[in-house]
Protein backbone atom coordinates (compact mmCIF):
# COMPACT_ATOMS: atom_id res chain seq x y z
CA MET A 1 89.80 26.97 294.10
CA THR A 2 87.10 25.86 296.10
CA ASN A 3 85.75 27.59 299.23
CA ASP A 4 87.57 25.26 301.64
CA LEU A 5 90.88 25.41 300.32
CA VAL A 6 90.15 29.31 300.77
CA GLU A 7 88.87 29.14 303.93
CA PHE A 8 91.44 27.02 305.01
CA ARG A 9 94.02 29.00 303.52
CA GLU A 10 92.42 32.16 305.72
CA ARG A 11 92.86 30.02 308.84
CA LYS A 12 96.37 29.62 308.18
CA ASP A 13 96.89 33.01 307.26
CA LEU A 14 95.43 33.76 310.72
CA VAL A 15 97.69 31.61 312.76
CA LYS A 16 100.82 33.34 311.20
CA GLU A 17 99.72 36.39 312.24
CA LEU A 18 98.69 35.23 316.07
CA MET A 19 102.74 34.38 316.21
CA GLU A 20 103.86 37.43 315.75
CA LEU A 21 102.12 38.21 319.53
CA PRO A 22 104.41 36.94 322.23
CA HIS A 23 101.67 35.56 323.87
CA TYR A 24 100.74 33.00 320.97
CA ARG A 25 104.02 32.11 319.55
CA LYS A 26 104.23 30.56 323.07
CA MET A 27 101.34 27.89 322.13
CA GLY A 28 103.44 27.19 319.01
CA ASP A 29 101.86 27.04 315.84
CA ALA A 30 101.17 23.45 315.31
CA SER A 31 98.62 24.04 318.86
CA LEU A 32 97.43 26.92 317.28
CA MET A 33 96.01 25.71 314.00
CA ALA A 34 95.00 22.65 315.77
CA ILE A 35 92.75 25.11 318.13
CA VAL A 36 91.67 26.98 314.71
CA GLU A 37 90.71 24.47 312.85
CA LYS A 38 88.82 22.79 316.16
CA ALA A 39 86.91 25.83 316.38
CA LYS A 40 85.74 25.85 312.57
CA ALA A 41 84.32 22.57 313.06
CA LEU A 42 82.63 23.45 316.00
CA GLY A 43 81.06 26.26 314.08
CA ILE A 44 82.67 28.81 317.10
CA SER A 45 84.37 32.25 316.68
CA PRO A 46 88.50 31.37 316.89
CA PHE A 47 89.01 34.00 319.25
CA ASP A 48 86.60 32.53 321.34
CA ALA A 49 88.39 29.21 321.29
CA LEU A 50 91.50 31.10 321.73
CA ASN A 51 90.33 32.61 324.64
CA GLY A 52 90.07 29.97 327.22
CA GLY A 53 87.20 28.19 325.54
CA LEU A 54 89.85 25.59 323.69
CA TYR A 55 93.07 24.10 324.53
CA ALA A 56 95.73 21.98 322.54
CA VAL A 57 96.76 18.87 324.65
CA GLN A 58 98.96 15.92 323.39
CA GLY A 59 98.05 16.50 320.37
CA ARG A 60 93.74 16.93 321.42
CA ILE A 61 91.97 19.30 322.44
CA GLU A 62 90.29 20.43 325.51
CA MET A 63 87.47 22.50 326.06
CA SER A 64 86.47 24.61 328.69
CA ALA A 65 83.39 23.78 330.75
CA ALA A 66 81.65 26.83 330.50
CA MET A 67 82.30 26.38 326.40
CA MET A 68 80.72 22.99 326.16
CA ASN A 69 77.89 23.81 328.68
CA SER A 70 77.63 26.96 326.50
CA LEU A 71 77.53 24.73 323.30
CA ILE A 72 75.45 22.04 324.40
CA ARG A 73 72.73 24.96 325.25
CA ALA A 74 73.05 27.26 321.72
CA ARG A 75 71.96 23.97 320.40
CA GLY A 76 68.63 24.14 322.66
CA HIS A 77 69.54 21.27 324.28
CA SER A 78 68.82 21.25 328.31
CA ILE A 79 71.07 20.65 331.06
CA THR A 80 69.53 20.25 334.79
CA LYS A 81 71.44 19.66 338.13
CA ASP A 82 69.25 17.14 340.17
CA SER A 83 69.00 18.46 343.64
CA LYS A 84 70.59 15.86 344.98
CA SER A 85 73.74 17.04 343.97
CA ASP A 86 75.72 17.69 347.18
CA GLU A 87 79.62 18.71 347.77
CA THR A 88 80.24 15.08 347.43
CA ILE A 89 78.85 14.73 344.26
CA CYS A 90 77.35 16.28 341.24
CA ILE A 91 73.88 14.67 338.50
CA LEU A 92 73.50 15.89 335.76
CA HIS A 93 69.96 15.42 333.59
CA GLY A 94 70.39 15.60 329.84
CA LYS A 95 67.92 16.21 327.34
CA ARG A 96 68.04 16.40 323.48
CA ALA A 97 65.84 19.33 321.72
CA ASP A 98 65.76 17.01 318.40
CA THR A 99 64.91 13.75 319.40
CA GLY A 100 64.06 14.14 322.72
CA ASP A 101 66.62 11.45 324.01
CA THR A 102 67.26 11.86 328.09
CA TRP A 103 70.36 10.82 330.21
CA ARG A 104 71.31 10.98 333.62
CA GLU A 105 75.34 11.04 334.41
CA SER A 106 77.50 12.13 337.58
CA PHE A 107 80.61 12.13 338.97
CA SER A 108 81.62 12.02 342.77
CA LEU A 109 84.80 12.38 344.78
CA GLU A 110 85.32 8.58 345.12
CA ASP A 111 85.52 8.62 341.33
CA ALA A 112 87.80 11.15 341.88
CA LYS A 113 89.58 9.24 344.37
CA LEU A 114 89.52 6.50 342.27
CA ALA A 115 91.15 8.24 339.46
CA GLY A 116 93.74 9.59 341.59
CA LEU A 117 92.87 13.59 340.68
CA LEU A 118 91.90 14.31 344.68
CA GLY A 119 94.30 16.95 345.41
CA LYS A 120 95.66 18.16 342.41
CA GLY A 121 95.46 21.27 341.37
CA PRO A 122 91.97 22.90 341.46
CA TRP A 123 90.57 19.76 342.41
CA LYS A 124 91.95 20.64 345.97
CA GLN A 125 90.67 24.42 345.58
CA TYR A 126 87.46 23.74 343.35
CA PRO A 127 86.14 20.37 343.95
CA LYS A 128 82.68 21.19 343.73
CA ASP A 129 83.53 22.77 340.27
CA MET A 130 85.20 20.19 339.04
CA LEU A 131 82.82 17.74 340.03
CA PHE A 132 80.26 19.68 337.28
CA SER A 133 83.06 19.75 334.67
CA ARG A 134 83.34 15.74 334.62
CA ALA A 135 79.76 15.37 335.34
CA LEU A 136 79.18 17.14 332.09
CA SER A 137 81.59 15.64 330.23
CA ARG A 138 80.45 12.31 330.77
CA LEU A 139 76.94 13.76 329.95
CA ALA A 140 78.03 15.25 326.66
CA ARG A 141 80.23 12.16 325.87
CA GLN A 142 76.72 9.95 325.72
CA LEU A 143 74.14 12.54 325.09
CA PHE A 144 75.99 15.51 322.79
CA SER A 145 78.70 13.81 321.15
CA ASP A 146 77.43 15.69 318.21
CA VAL A 147 77.81 18.90 320.03
CA ILE A 148 81.80 18.29 321.68
CA ALA A 149 83.20 16.57 318.22
CA GLY A 150 85.61 14.90 320.35
CA CYS A 151 86.80 17.15 322.82
CA TYR A 152 87.92 16.38 326.27
CA ILE A 153 87.08 18.95 329.09
CA GLU A 154 89.26 20.72 329.86
CA GLY A 155 92.12 19.34 332.52
CA GLU A 156 91.36 16.07 331.68
CA LEU A 157 94.48 15.11 329.55
CA LYS A 158 96.65 17.54 331.60
CA ASP A 159 95.35 15.09 334.87
CA SER A 160 96.76 12.01 333.55
CA SER A 161 97.13 9.43 330.46
CA LEU A 162 93.87 8.85 329.87
CA LYS A 163 91.38 6.38 327.25
CA ARG A 164 88.09 6.03 326.30
CA THR A 165 86.74 3.20 328.14
CA ASP A 166 83.54 1.08 326.94
CA SER A 167 81.60 3.27 329.31
CA GLY A 168 82.14 5.93 327.57
CA TYR A 169 84.19 7.83 329.64
CA LEU A 170 88.29 8.14 330.58
CA GLU A 171 89.92 6.72 333.29
CA ASP A 172 93.65 6.76 333.91
CA ALA A 173 95.75 4.71 331.59
CA THR A 174 98.09 4.85 328.68
CA ILE A 175 96.74 6.81 325.65
CA GLU A 176 97.35 3.81 322.74
CA PRO A 177 98.72 6.03 319.44
CA VAL A 178 97.94 4.89 316.36
CA GLU A 179 100.51 2.50 315.10
CA ILE A 180 101.95 4.33 311.49
CA ILE A 181 105.09 2.49 310.43
CA GLU A 182 107.47 5.56 309.30
CA PRO A 183 108.96 5.62 306.10
CA VAL A 184 112.10 7.09 305.30
CA VAL A 185 111.47 10.39 305.04
CA ASP A 186 114.47 12.60 304.40
CA LEU A 187 113.18 16.20 306.36
CA ASP A 188 115.67 18.46 304.84
CA VAL A 189 114.62 17.86 301.20
CA VAL A 190 111.37 20.45 300.50
CA GLU A 191 108.93 18.25 298.89
CA PRO A 192 105.07 19.13 297.97
CA ALA A 193 102.57 18.75 300.13
CA ILE A 194 99.80 16.35 299.55
CA SER A 195 96.91 17.70 297.34
CA TYR A 196 93.28 18.43 298.05
CA GLU A 197 92.14 15.40 297.08
CA GLN A 198 94.36 13.19 299.04
CA LEU A 199 93.83 15.61 301.76
CA LYS A 200 90.11 14.59 301.11
CA GLU A 201 90.39 11.38 301.10
CA LEU A 202 92.62 11.27 304.50
CA THR A 203 89.78 13.06 306.56
CA GLU A 204 86.81 11.04 304.65
CA THR A 205 88.54 8.06 305.43
CA ILE A 206 88.72 9.16 309.02
CA GLY A 207 85.47 9.94 309.06
CA SER A 208 83.72 11.04 312.25
CA ASP A 209 86.17 9.44 314.63
CA HIS A 210 87.53 12.55 315.89
CA ASP A 211 89.98 10.55 318.17
CA LEU A 212 91.56 9.03 315.59
CA LEU A 213 91.60 12.26 313.59
CA ASN A 214 93.27 13.84 316.72
CA ARG A 215 95.75 11.19 316.97
CA VAL A 216 96.84 10.95 313.30
CA GLU A 217 97.09 15.09 313.41
CA GLY A 218 98.89 14.71 316.71
CA PHE A 219 102.04 12.11 315.07
CA CYS A 220 101.87 14.23 311.56
CA MET A 221 102.52 17.62 313.07
CA GLU A 222 105.58 16.04 315.73
CA LYS A 223 106.97 14.10 313.01
CA PHE A 224 107.05 16.44 310.32
CA SER A 225 106.94 19.96 312.03
CA ILE A 226 103.51 20.64 310.18
CA ALA A 227 100.88 22.81 310.83
CA ASN A 228 97.68 20.45 309.27
CA LEU A 229 97.45 17.40 307.70
CA SER A 230 97.26 19.33 304.20
CA GLU A 231 100.88 19.92 304.93
CA LEU A 232 101.80 16.44 304.93
CA PRO A 233 104.51 15.09 302.32
CA ALA A 234 103.13 13.82 299.53
CA SER A 235 105.51 10.41 300.11
CA TYR A 236 103.52 9.54 303.30
CA PHE A 237 100.08 9.97 302.04
CA PRO A 238 100.09 6.04 300.92
CA THR A 239 101.64 4.70 304.57
CA ALA A 240 99.04 7.31 306.50
CA LEU A 241 96.16 6.18 304.40
CA ALA A 242 97.35 2.44 304.63
CA ARG A 243 97.83 2.70 308.42
CA ILE A 244 94.18 4.58 308.71
CA LYS A 245 91.86 2.18 307.04
CA ALA A 246 94.07 -0.48 308.94
CA SER A 247 92.93 1.62 313.12
CA LYS A 248 89.55 1.65 311.07
CA GLU A 249 89.17 -2.00 310.98
CA VAL A 250 90.19 -2.87 314.38
């Protein structure tokens, strides 16, 4: 048995234990597993992730601004707030420690207004904090995408239906799910899950496309009531692989 498989089973056992606690039971095992798995990918403690660092929303993962800021700085990169930032706009400058690349991003109340965010929840109570959060998210996608590993900033998915634009950030729109033709599956019949080799082939085909991974995981978790792709029914493997390849070719 490989170390990866052993570690995965340990994380699965952790989720099972957490489900015994009322607080985590409300989240559901699928959401817990998604957060724990993303924490592993990010190299952070699952308990830091579950303690307000990460959130499972619509089959995707949101990250708190504090966690995103911390992870970027922990990698040695820098983020500086421009002196022109005020109550109406947050301007951030980022610099990578490894390449020296720099990037400037901003988010303003006008941007929030255009996105229909003003007057909602924290945007009404803490607009300055929210401006920083969204500016940070934009900056992270452009300069530190390897650090955040496809995570959205907290509230981004909760505020509205969003999708990525060519400019690299999110705007109001309907999320376009991965098109997967559903095979006829008898859910009352217990069948073996995919093998480790099949799971590896699926994840390698998806590659570094974290948005695609989140969509596929969300779909499979909802359809088969599973906690992770490793529990995907073996009979569904050919269809899942074919549809993932088709999505990559679009």
